Amino acid sequence: MTTFSPLAVDLCVIGGGSAGLSVAAGAVQMGASVALVERGPMGGDCLNFGCVPSKALLAAAHAAQSARTAGQFGVDLDPPRIDMARVRDHIRGVIAGIAPHDSVERFAGLGVTVLTGTARFTGATSLSVTAADGTERGVSARRVVVATGSRPLVPPIPGLSDGPFLTNETLFDLADLPQRLLILGGGPIGCEMAQAFRRLGAEVHLVEMASLLNRDDPELVEVARSAMAREEVQLHEGMVARSVTWGAEGPRLAIGRPDGSGETVLAGSHLLVALGRRANLEGLDLEAAGIDRDPKGITVDARLRTSNRKVFAIGDVAGGLQFTHVAGYHAGIVIKNALFRLPAKANLSACPRVTYLDPEVAQVGLTEAEAKDKGLDHKVLRWEMTENDRARTEGATAGLVKVIVTPKGKILGVGIVGKSAGELIQTWVLALHAGLRIGSLATMIAPYPTLGEAGKRAAGSFYTDSLFGSRTRKLVRFLSRFG
């Protein structure tokens, strides 16, 4: 086995996904010596198997649906013809266009020492990196950042592993459209892929043990659920997978209620497992560095430090919210702590989440149910998209803005379901982050006609009772006496 002389650096980052790349790029440009270890493709899950390919697929599905529904605007088009191989080429083209930004060449050009291989701890801040050809290289660092990400969770369903089931790591390689796609999991990934493949022409059955998007506000989810049902996505909520058998035609999925009753068998051509994710911890030898873990991932404090205070864990592997934007935020916290020794703490109270259905579902802060559970005195403001002029012009009136505020106007949380909800939520993210009160949103000048005006209207409804109540009318009548 060939070995090389040890490499000594200020910072060693394990993982070349969103979190790790952000730390490495920031740290090296600030003057630190940085080693980056990645055993797979640069860019990690987001670029290669997650956010980027899924949104590229959604764009193709949206184009197909736009062709089908153009008649509502007086524009008649032929039914769309789906060429799945070309859809796949579109996805690959988007990935290829972004890949240079995450490439070994770019990071080497920034001054990062990129090591291709598998890392394992050999001490508190020392590692061994083994390349595919078996060569090893030692790395010693002042600080280490673990950013190894996560992978699809595959549950122990009888028969599942006997056949070629799909995950997000294989789904986007399909060159032929599934005839009947069975999906396990009604979270964001499952729902997005269900609607996308239905719009591309597949028959789709989605199975969820609880209810769709069960972390989100049920009032908002119902709008999205209705849209999926109208498009004939077959929804099987409150059902669990019991077993899978594989035949020449594809999988046969037995499902039933959690109490053991009501068994049904769904026949499909393909089966997608979208039941969550698990942290990538295997082979790291965390024990050698004194790093604690739990079932969700590596345990960290508010500063993202592990039980070994010279090692940080960020992104999906830290066991918290699994979003690319959280990974990027984590990177900033680690740079402050690791390079500048500032006691920066992560605060995700204003962290948004978006499910990119049509209509999109976006949330930041507390939902109505969470506010109730916390015993907070609050009121709910709503504004329906049917009352928004821009939404009417675009035939996109399904949805609403829902704001949770205290009686004194402090914003607790906002949920939006509707067209471009992921864009519309950003104003509210800023409001929560900056501690703005509802009056700031109610009195801002919003361009007309825009979908964002619905947010201003929802905020303005906070003052409806006080502005148009009996006390105001009495005051106006009194003042009118004085000319």
Protein backbone atom coordinates (compact mmCIF):
# COMPACT_ATOMS: atom_id res chain seq x y z
CA MET A 1 0.00 0.00 0.00
CA THR A 2 1.42 3.36 -1.08
CA THR A 3 1.43 6.21 1.44
CA PHE A 4 2.29 9.88 1.12
CA SER A 5 3.75 12.34 3.60
CA PRO A 6 1.14 13.79 5.95
CA LEU A 7 -0.57 17.00 4.95
CA ALA A 8 -0.87 19.71 7.63
CA VAL A 9 -3.61 22.32 7.20
CA ASP A 10 -5.62 24.81 9.21
CA LEU A 11 -8.91 23.23 8.19
CA CYS A 12 -9.89 19.85 6.80
CA VAL A 13 -13.37 19.51 5.33
CA ILE A 14 -14.81 16.03 4.81
CA GLY A 15 -17.46 16.13 2.10
CA GLY A 16 -17.73 18.07 -1.15
CA GLY A 17 -21.45 18.80 -1.09
CA SER A 18 -23.19 22.12 -0.50
CA ALA A 19 -22.05 22.49 3.11
CA GLY A 20 -18.46 21.38 2.64
CA LEU A 21 -17.86 23.39 -0.52
CA SER A 22 -19.18 26.57 1.09
CA VAL A 23 -16.82 26.18 4.05
CA ALA A 24 -13.82 25.31 1.89
CA ALA A 25 -14.34 28.19 -0.54
CA GLY A 26 -14.93 30.73 2.22
CA ALA A 27 -12.06 29.60 4.41
CA VAL A 28 -9.39 29.44 1.72
CA GLN A 29 -10.31 32.89 0.40
CA MET A 30 -9.93 34.24 3.93
CA GLY A 31 -6.38 32.98 4.11
CA ALA A 32 -6.69 29.55 5.75
CA SER A 33 -4.97 26.48 4.38
CA VAL A 34 -7.71 23.99 3.50
CA ALA A 35 -7.93 20.33 2.54
CA LEU A 36 -11.18 19.00 1.10
CA VAL A 37 -11.91 15.26 0.99
CA GLU A 38 -14.62 13.86 -1.29
CA ARG A 39 -15.11 10.22 -2.29
CA GLY A 40 -17.89 10.79 -4.82
CA PRO A 41 -18.85 13.42 -7.38
CA MET A 42 -18.21 17.01 -6.37
CA GLY A 43 -21.37 18.94 -5.59
CA GLY A 44 -22.81 16.15 -3.49
CA ASP A 45 -26.44 15.17 -3.38
CA CYS A 46 -27.91 18.58 -4.20
CA LEU A 47 -26.18 18.95 -7.54
CA ASN A 48 -26.13 15.35 -8.67
CA PHE A 49 -29.21 13.66 -7.18
CA GLY A 50 -31.35 16.23 -5.37
CA CYS A 51 -32.32 19.87 -5.77
CA VAL A 52 -30.87 20.48 -9.22
CA PRO A 53 -32.09 17.40 -11.13
CA SER A 54 -35.46 17.38 -9.37
CA LYS A 55 -36.18 21.01 -10.24
CA ALA A 56 -35.02 20.42 -13.81
CA LEU A 57 -37.52 17.56 -14.01
CA LEU A 58 -40.23 19.75 -12.50
CA ALA A 59 -39.55 22.36 -15.17
CA ALA A 60 -40.11 19.75 -17.89
CA ALA A 61 -43.33 18.62 -16.20
CA HIS A 62 -44.50 22.23 -15.89
CA ALA A 63 -43.93 22.74 -19.62
CA ALA A 64 -46.07 19.71 -20.40
CA GLN A 65 -48.85 20.88 -18.11
CA SER A 66 -48.75 24.39 -19.56
CA ALA A 67 -49.36 22.93 -22.99
CA ARG A 68 -52.35 20.97 -21.70
CA THR A 69 -53.92 23.97 -19.96
CA ALA A 70 -53.15 26.69 -22.50
CA GLY A 71 -56.74 26.53 -23.77
CA GLN A 72 -57.95 28.51 -20.76
CA PHE A 73 -56.17 31.53 -22.26
CA GLY A 74 -57.56 30.97 -25.75
CA VAL A 75 -54.38 29.30 -26.95
CA ASP A 76 -54.99 25.79 -28.29
CA LEU A 77 -52.03 23.42 -28.46
CA ASP A 78 -51.64 19.79 -29.43
CA PRO A 79 -51.35 17.36 -26.51
CA PRO A 80 -47.70 17.26 -25.42
CA ARG A 81 -45.54 14.35 -26.55
CA ILE A 82 -43.03 13.34 -23.90
CA ASP A 83 -39.59 12.12 -24.91
CA MET A 84 -38.15 10.91 -21.62
CA ALA A 85 -34.67 10.48 -23.03
CA ARG A 86 -34.64 14.16 -23.97
CA VAL A 87 -36.03 15.08 -20.56
CA ARG A 88 -33.09 13.17 -19.08
CA ASP A 89 -30.73 15.06 -21.39
CA HIS A 90 -32.20 18.33 -20.14
CA ILE A 91 -31.57 17.26 -16.55
CA ARG A 92 -28.01 16.22 -17.33
CA GLY A 93 -27.40 19.45 -19.20
CA VAL A 94 -28.47 21.54 -16.20
CA ILE A 95 -26.16 19.53 -13.92
CA ALA A 96 -23.29 19.86 -16.39
CA GLY A 97 -23.80 23.62 -16.55
CA ILE A 98 -23.49 24.01 -12.79
CA ALA A 99 -20.80 21.37 -12.22
CA PRO A 100 -17.77 23.56 -13.08
CA HIS A 101 -18.64 25.83 -10.16
CA ASP A 102 -18.31 22.82 -7.82
CA SER A 103 -15.45 21.12 -9.62
CA VAL A 104 -12.08 19.93 -8.36
CA GLU A 105 -10.44 22.30 -10.83
CA ARG A 106 -12.23 25.36 -9.47
CA PHE A 107 -11.43 24.57 -5.86
CA ALA A 108 -7.84 23.71 -6.65
CA GLY A 109 -7.65 27.05 -8.40
CA LEU A 110 -8.86 28.75 -5.24
CA GLY A 111 -6.01 27.11 -3.36
CA VAL A 112 -7.85 24.18 -1.76
CA THR A 113 -6.01 20.84 -1.63
CA VAL A 114 -8.65 18.44 -2.94
CA LEU A 115 -8.18 14.80 -1.97
CA THR A 116 -10.30 12.19 -3.74
CA GLY A 117 -10.97 9.29 -1.42
CA THR A 118 -12.57 8.11 1.80
CA ALA A 119 -11.64 9.80 5.07
CA ARG A 120 -11.52 8.26 8.53
CA PHE A 121 -10.40 9.73 11.82
CA THR A 122 -7.19 8.42 13.34
CA GLY A 123 -7.12 10.90 16.22
CA ALA A 124 -8.79 14.05 17.54
CA THR A 125 -7.96 16.12 14.45
CA SER A 126 -5.98 13.68 12.32
CA LEU A 127 -7.31 11.63 9.44
CA SER A 128 -6.33 9.06 6.88
CA VAL A 129 -7.62 9.42 3.33
CA THR A 130 -7.74 6.29 1.19
CA ALA A 131 -8.03 6.70 -2.57
CA ALA A 132 -9.80 4.27 -4.88
CA ASP A 133 -6.47 2.68 -5.80
CA GLY A 134 -5.68 1.97 -2.15
CA THR A 135 -3.10 4.71 -1.63
CA GLU A 136 -3.33 6.51 1.69
CA ARG A 137 -2.48 9.97 2.87
CA GLY A 138 -2.53 11.36 6.37
CA VAL A 139 -4.01 14.76 7.16
CA SER A 140 -3.58 16.75 10.35
CA ALA A 141 -5.64 19.88 10.90
CA ARG A 142 -6.23 22.52 13.52
CA ARG A 143 -9.97 22.13 12.96
CA VAL A 144 -12.07 19.55 11.09
CA VAL A 145 -15.50 19.95 9.53
CA VAL A 146 -17.62 16.85 8.85
CA ALA A 147 -20.02 17.55 5.98
CA THR A 148 -20.65 14.08 4.59
CA GLY A 149 -24.35 14.64 3.94
CA SER A 150 -27.04 11.99 3.82
CA ARG A 151 -28.47 9.30 1.60
CA PRO A 152 -31.93 7.80 1.02
CA LEU A 153 -33.38 5.82 3.90
CA VAL A 154 -34.33 2.32 2.79
CA PRO A 155 -36.71 0.67 5.27
CA PRO A 156 -36.76 -3.09 5.96
CA ILE A 157 -39.90 -3.81 3.96
CA PRO A 158 -40.11 -7.52 3.11
CA GLY A 159 -39.11 -8.10 -0.49
CA LEU A 160 -38.09 -4.51 -1.21
CA SER A 161 -34.42 -5.23 -1.75
CA ASP A 162 -35.16 -8.19 -4.04
CA GLY A 163 -35.76 -5.88 -7.01
CA PRO A 164 -34.56 -2.68 -8.68
CA PHE A 165 -36.39 -0.06 -6.63
CA LEU A 166 -35.60 3.60 -7.30
CA THR A 167 -34.36 6.38 -5.03
CA ASN A 168 -33.47 9.96 -5.84
CA GLU A 169 -29.98 8.65 -6.68
CA THR A 170 -31.26 6.57 -9.60
CA LEU A 171 -34.59 8.16 -10.56
CA PHE A 172 -33.12 10.82 -12.83
CA ASP A 173 -31.27 8.28 -14.96
CA LEU A 174 -34.51 6.91 -16.43
CA ALA A 175 -34.54 7.07 -20.22
CA ASP A 176 -38.08 5.70 -20.50
CA LEU A 177 -41.17 7.07 -18.81
CA PRO A 178 -42.54 4.72 -16.15
CA GLN A 179 -45.93 3.35 -17.14
CA ARG A 180 -47.13 3.02 -13.53
CA LEU A 181 -44.96 4.64 -10.87
CA LEU A 182 -45.49 3.61 -7.25
CA ILE A 183 -44.09 6.04 -4.68
CA LEU A 184 -43.49 5.31 -1.01
CA GLY A 185 -43.50 8.52 1.01
CA GLY A 186 -45.68 11.62 0.99
CA GLY A 187 -43.04 14.12 2.03
CA PRO A 188 -41.65 16.85 -0.25
CA ILE A 189 -39.68 14.50 -2.50
CA GLY A 190 -42.49 12.00 -2.89
CA CYS A 191 -45.12 14.66 -3.61
CA GLU A 192 -42.97 16.60 -6.07
CA MET A 193 -42.06 13.50 -8.03
CA ALA A 194 -45.64 12.23 -7.98
CA GLN A 195 -46.99 15.37 -9.62
CA ALA A 196 -44.04 15.66 -12.01
CA PHE A 197 -44.28 12.13 -13.38
CA ARG A 198 -48.06 12.36 -13.60
CA ARG A 199 -47.69 15.49 -15.70
CA LEU A 200 -45.18 13.71 -17.89
CA GLY A 201 -47.77 11.02 -18.55
CA ALA A 202 -47.19 8.25 -16.01
CA GLU A 203 -49.90 6.70 -13.88
CA VAL A 204 -48.85 7.47 -10.31
CA HIS A 205 -49.79 5.96 -6.95
CA LEU A 206 -48.42 7.64 -3.82
CA VAL A 207 -48.50 5.82 -0.46
CA GLU A 208 -48.11 7.74 2.81
CA MET A 209 -48.38 6.29 6.32
CA ALA A 210 -49.78 9.49 7.83
CA SER A 211 -50.90 12.44 5.68
CA LEU A 212 -49.21 14.36 2.91
CA LEU A 213 -46.62 16.95 3.97
CA ASN A 214 -47.51 16.37 7.60
CA ARG A 215 -45.01 18.95 8.89
CA ASP A 216 -46.86 21.74 7.08
CA ASP A 217 -50.08 23.57 7.89
CA PRO A 218 -53.01 21.26 6.98
CA GLU A 219 -54.99 24.18 5.56
CA LEU A 220 -52.22 24.88 3.06
CA VAL A 221 -51.58 21.22 2.32
CA GLU A 222 -55.23 20.70 1.43
CA VAL A 223 -54.88 23.13 -1.47
CA ALA A 224 -51.91 21.16 -2.81
CA ARG A 225 -53.63 17.83 -2.17
CA SER A 226 -56.66 18.95 -4.17
CA ALA A 227 -54.44 20.00 -7.06
CA MET A 228 -52.73 16.60 -7.12
CA ALA A 229 -56.08 14.81 -6.98
CA ARG A 230 -57.44 16.90 -9.88
CA GLU A 231 -54.44 15.79 -11.92
CA GLU A 232 -55.29 12.17 -11.04
CA VAL A 233 -52.37 11.34 -8.79
CA GLN A 234 -53.73 8.37 -6.86
CA LEU A 235 -53.24 9.15 -3.16
CA HIS A 236 -53.19 6.40 -0.53
CA GLU A 237 -52.90 8.24 2.79
CA GLY A 238 -52.99 6.47 6.13
CA MET A 239 -51.50 3.34 4.55
CA VAL A 240 -48.25 1.48 5.18
CA ALA A 241 -46.20 -0.77 2.93
CA ARG A 242 -46.33 -4.40 4.04
CA SER A 243 -44.37 -6.21 1.37
CA VAL A 244 -43.08 -6.02 -2.18
CA THR A 245 -42.94 -8.82 -4.74
CA TRP A 246 -41.18 -8.49 -8.07
CA GLY A 247 -42.26 -9.97 -11.37
CA ALA A 248 -41.64 -9.53 -15.07
CA GLU A 249 -44.01 -6.56 -15.18
CA GLY A 250 -42.48 -4.83 -12.18
CA PRO A 251 -43.24 -4.48 -8.48
CA ARG A 252 -46.43 -5.44 -6.68
CA LEU A 253 -46.77 -3.44 -3.48
CA ALA A 254 -49.01 -4.69 -0.69
CA ILE A 255 -50.32 -1.85 1.47
CA GLY A 256 -52.70 -1.64 4.39
CA ARG A 257 -53.71 0.43 7.37
CA PRO A 258 -51.33 0.66 10.32
CA ASP A 259 -53.72 -1.40 12.45
CA GLY A 260 -53.32 -4.35 10.08
CA SER A 261 -56.61 -4.05 8.22
CA GLY A 262 -57.57 -3.25 4.67
CA GLU A 263 -54.89 -4.82 2.49
CA THR A 264 -54.61 -3.66 -1.13
CA VAL A 265 -52.07 -4.65 -3.77
CA LEU A 266 -50.79 -2.00 -6.18
CA ALA A 267 -49.18 -3.18 -9.42
CA GLY A 268 -46.54 -0.92 -10.92
CA SER A 269 -43.80 -0.78 -13.48
CA HIS A 270 -41.43 1.13 -11.14
CA LEU A 271 -41.16 1.77 -7.41
CA LEU A 272 -39.66 4.92 -5.91
CA VAL A 273 -38.67 4.94 -2.23
CA ALA A 274 -38.87 8.46 -0.77
CA LEU A 275 -39.15 7.79 2.95
CA GLY A 276 -36.58 10.19 4.32
CA ARG A 277 -32.81 10.21 4.63
CA ARG A 278 -30.06 8.96 6.92
CA ALA A 279 -26.74 10.59 7.76
CA ASN A 280 -23.57 9.33 6.06
CA LEU A 281 -21.41 8.25 9.01
CA GLU A 282 -20.10 4.85 7.97
CA GLY A 283 -16.33 4.48 7.83
CA LEU A 284 -15.53 7.77 9.56
CA ASP A 285 -14.34 6.08 12.77
CA LEU A 286 -15.88 8.86 14.85
CA GLU A 287 -14.89 7.06 18.04
CA ALA A 288 -11.21 7.64 17.28
CA ALA A 289 -11.86 11.38 17.50
CA GLY A 290 -14.23 11.22 20.49
CA ILE A 291 -17.24 12.33 18.46
CA ASP A 292 -20.72 11.42 19.74
CA ARG A 293 -23.63 10.49 17.50
CA ASP A 294 -27.32 9.69 17.83
CA PRO A 295 -29.83 8.03 15.48
CA LYS A 296 -30.24 11.26 13.50
CA GLY A 297 -26.55 11.98 12.96
CA ILE A 298 -23.64 13.64 14.72
CA THR A 299 -24.66 15.52 17.86
CA VAL A 300 -23.70 19.20 17.86
CA ASP A 301 -24.19 22.23 20.06
CA ALA A 302 -25.54 25.62 18.99
CA ARG A 303 -22.12 26.48 17.56
CA LEU A 304 -22.19 23.26 15.50
CA ARG A 305 -19.32 21.81 17.53
CA THR A 306 -19.28 18.09 18.18
CA SER A 307 -18.32 16.51 21.51
CA ASN A 308 -14.76 17.03 20.21
CA ARG A 309 -14.67 20.82 20.30
CA LYS A 310 -12.17 21.01 17.44
CA VAL A 311 -14.49 19.15 15.10
CA PHE A 312 -17.67 20.60 13.62
CA ALA A 313 -20.55 18.86 11.85
CA ILE A 314 -22.74 20.71 9.38
CA GLY A 315 -25.48 20.10 6.84
CA ASP A 316 -27.50 16.88 6.74
CA VAL A 317 -24.97 14.91 8.79
CA ALA A 318 -25.68 17.12 11.81
CA GLY A 319 -29.15 15.57 12.07
CA GLY A 320 -31.25 18.73 11.80
CA LEU A 321 -33.10 20.38 8.92
CA GLN A 322 -31.95 18.84 5.65
CA PHE A 323 -31.96 21.73 3.20
CA THR A 324 -29.23 23.11 0.97
CA HIS A 325 -29.88 26.61 2.28
CA VAL A 326 -29.35 25.34 5.83
CA ALA A 327 -26.05 23.80 4.75
CA GLY A 328 -24.92 27.15 3.39
CA TYR A 329 -25.99 28.90 6.58
CA HIS A 330 -24.11 26.34 8.66
CA ALA A 331 -20.98 27.07 6.65
CA GLY A 332 -21.03 30.69 7.74
CA ILE A 333 -21.43 29.73 11.40
CA VAL A 334 -18.48 27.33 11.22
CA ILE A 335 -16.18 29.86 9.54
CA LYS A 336 -16.86 32.36 12.32
CA ASN A 337 -16.13 29.74 14.96
CA ALA A 338 -13.27 27.82 13.36
CA LEU A 339 -11.32 30.69 11.82
CA PHE A 340 -12.13 33.70 13.96
CA ARG A 341 -12.95 31.92 17.24
CA LEU A 342 -16.19 33.89 17.46
CA PRO A 343 -18.93 32.19 19.51
CA ALA A 344 -21.48 32.33 16.69
CA LYS A 345 -24.57 30.20 17.23
CA ALA A 346 -26.97 28.79 14.67
CA ASN A 347 -30.49 30.19 14.81
CA LEU A 348 -32.96 28.58 12.42
CA SER A 349 -36.11 30.25 13.77
CA ALA A 350 -36.47 32.13 10.47
CA CYS A 351 -35.48 29.24 8.21
CA PRO A 352 -37.95 28.69 5.35
CA ARG A 353 -38.97 25.45 3.71
CA VAL A 354 -40.64 25.01 0.34
CA THR A 355 -42.24 22.08 -1.43
CA TYR A 356 -42.16 22.76 -5.16
CA LEU A 357 -45.55 21.42 -6.12
CA ASP A 358 -47.96 23.37 -8.28
CA PRO A 359 -49.18 25.19 -6.24
CA GLU A 360 -46.03 25.52 -4.12
CA VAL A 361 -46.21 25.22 -0.32
CA ALA A 362 -43.89 27.50 1.67
CA GLN A 363 -43.52 28.04 5.42
CA VAL A 364 -41.35 30.09 7.76
CA GLY A 365 -41.63 30.33 11.52
CA LEU A 366 -44.51 28.76 13.45
CA THR A 367 -47.60 27.18 11.97
CA GLU A 368 -50.98 27.81 13.55
CA ALA A 369 -50.85 24.42 15.27
CA GLU A 370 -47.36 25.08 16.64
CA ALA A 371 -48.45 28.43 18.03
CA LYS A 372 -51.35 26.71 19.79
CA ASP A 373 -49.10 23.96 21.14
CA LYS A 374 -46.80 26.58 22.63
CA GLY A 375 -49.74 28.28 24.28
CA LEU A 376 -49.04 31.56 22.49
CA ASP A 377 -51.76 34.20 22.29
CA HIS A 378 -52.18 34.76 18.58
CA LYS A 379 -54.47 35.62 15.74
CA VAL A 380 -54.56 34.31 12.18
CA LEU A 381 -54.56 36.57 9.13
CA ARG A 382 -55.57 35.16 5.75
CA TRP A 383 -55.72 36.43 2.21
CA GLU A 384 -57.01 34.22 -0.57
CA MET A 385 -55.35 34.25 -3.96
CA THR A 386 -58.83 34.50 -5.49
CA GLU A 387 -58.71 38.12 -4.25
CA ASN A 388 -55.41 38.82 -6.02
CA ASP A 389 -55.72 40.44 -9.43
CA ARG A 390 -52.44 39.07 -10.81
CA ALA A 391 -53.42 35.55 -9.81
CA ARG A 392 -56.67 36.00 -11.70
CA THR A 393 -54.88 37.11 -14.86
CA GLU A 394 -52.71 34.02 -14.76
CA GLY A 395 -55.41 31.54 -13.84
CA ALA A 396 -53.55 30.76 -10.61
CA THR A 397 -56.15 31.50 -7.95
CA ALA A 398 -55.65 28.33 -5.90
CA GLY A 399 -53.96 29.28 -2.67
CA LEU A 400 -53.69 31.73 0.19
CA VAL A 401 -51.34 33.61 2.46
CA LYS A 402 -51.69 32.74 6.15
CA VAL A 403 -49.93 34.81 8.81
CA ILE A 404 -49.70 34.00 12.53
CA VAL A 405 -49.23 37.11 14.70
CA THR A 406 -49.51 38.11 18.34
CA PRO A 407 -52.25 40.58 19.33
CA LYS A 408 -49.56 43.29 19.33
CA GLY A 409 -48.41 42.52 15.78
CA LYS A 410 -45.32 40.39 16.30
CA ILE A 411 -45.01 37.96 13.40
CA LEU A 412 -44.77 34.35 14.59
CA GLY A 413 -44.96 32.51 11.30
CA VAL A 414 -46.20 32.61 7.72
CA GLY A 415 -47.45 29.95 5.35
CA ILE A 416 -48.17 30.45 1.68
CA VAL A 417 -49.66 28.04 -0.82
CA GLY A 418 -49.92 29.20 -4.39
CA LYS A 419 -47.99 29.99 -7.51
CA SER A 420 -44.41 31.05 -6.73
CA ALA A 421 -44.91 30.63 -2.98
CA GLY A 422 -41.18 29.93 -2.63
CA GLU A 423 -40.45 33.39 -4.00
CA LEU A 424 -43.24 35.12 -2.06
CA ILE A 425 -42.09 33.70 1.29
CA GLN A 426 -38.77 35.52 1.09
CA THR A 427 -40.23 38.87 2.15
CA TRP A 428 -41.56 37.18 5.26
CA VAL A 429 -38.25 35.43 5.93
CA LEU A 430 -36.62 38.85 6.03
CA ALA A 431 -39.40 40.16 8.28
CA LEU A 432 -38.88 37.39 10.83
CA HIS A 433 -35.09 37.59 10.59
CA ALA A 434 -35.10 41.36 11.14
CA GLY A 435 -37.79 41.30 13.81
CA LEU A 436 -40.21 43.46 11.78
CA ARG A 437 -43.76 43.78 12.98
CA ILE A 438 -46.86 43.31 10.89
CA GLY A 439 -47.23 47.04 10.32
CA SER A 440 -44.04 47.10 8.26
CA LEU A 441 -45.58 44.69 5.78
CA ALA A 442 -48.99 46.36 5.84
CA THR A 443 -47.62 49.83 5.04
CA MET A 444 -45.01 48.95 2.41
CA ILE A 445 -45.75 49.89 -1.19
CA ALA A 446 -46.22 46.74 -3.28
CA PRO A 447 -46.16 46.98 -7.09
CA TYR A 448 -49.48 46.30 -8.79
CA PRO A 449 -50.41 43.82 -10.07
CA THR A 450 -48.21 41.21 -8.41
CA LEU A 451 -48.77 37.99 -6.53
CA GLY A 452 -46.77 39.47 -3.65
CA GLU A 453 -49.52 41.99 -3.07
CA ALA A 454 -51.47 39.19 -1.37
CA GLY A 455 -48.95 39.29 1.48
CA LYS A 456 -49.47 43.01 1.98
CA ARG A 457 -53.24 42.48 2.00
CA ALA A 458 -52.93 39.73 4.59
CA ALA A 459 -50.80 42.02 6.75
CA GLY A 460 -53.24 44.88 6.33
CA SER A 461 -56.12 42.73 7.54
CA PHE A 462 -54.52 42.91 11.00
CA TYR A 463 -55.93 46.43 11.25
CA THR A 464 -59.38 45.79 9.75
CA ASP A 465 -61.28 45.76 13.03
CA SER A 466 -59.59 48.84 14.43
CA LEU A 467 -59.75 50.87 11.20
CA PHE A 468 -63.30 50.04 10.20
CA GLY A 469 -64.89 49.39 13.58
CA SER A 470 -67.48 51.42 15.45
CA ARG A 471 -64.85 53.45 17.35
CA THR A 472 -63.32 54.69 14.11
CA ARG A 473 -66.71 55.62 12.68
CA LYS A 474 -67.57 57.56 15.82
CA LEU A 475 -64.24 59.39 15.68
CA VAL A 476 -64.74 60.34 12.02
CA ARG A 477 -68.26 61.63 12.72
CA PHE A 478 -66.96 63.65 15.66
CA LEU A 479 -64.12 65.21 13.69
CA SER A 480 -66.45 66.04 10.77
CA ARG A 481 -68.23 68.55 13.02
CA PHE A 482 -65.19 70.80 12.92
CA GLY A 483 -65.18 71.29 9.17
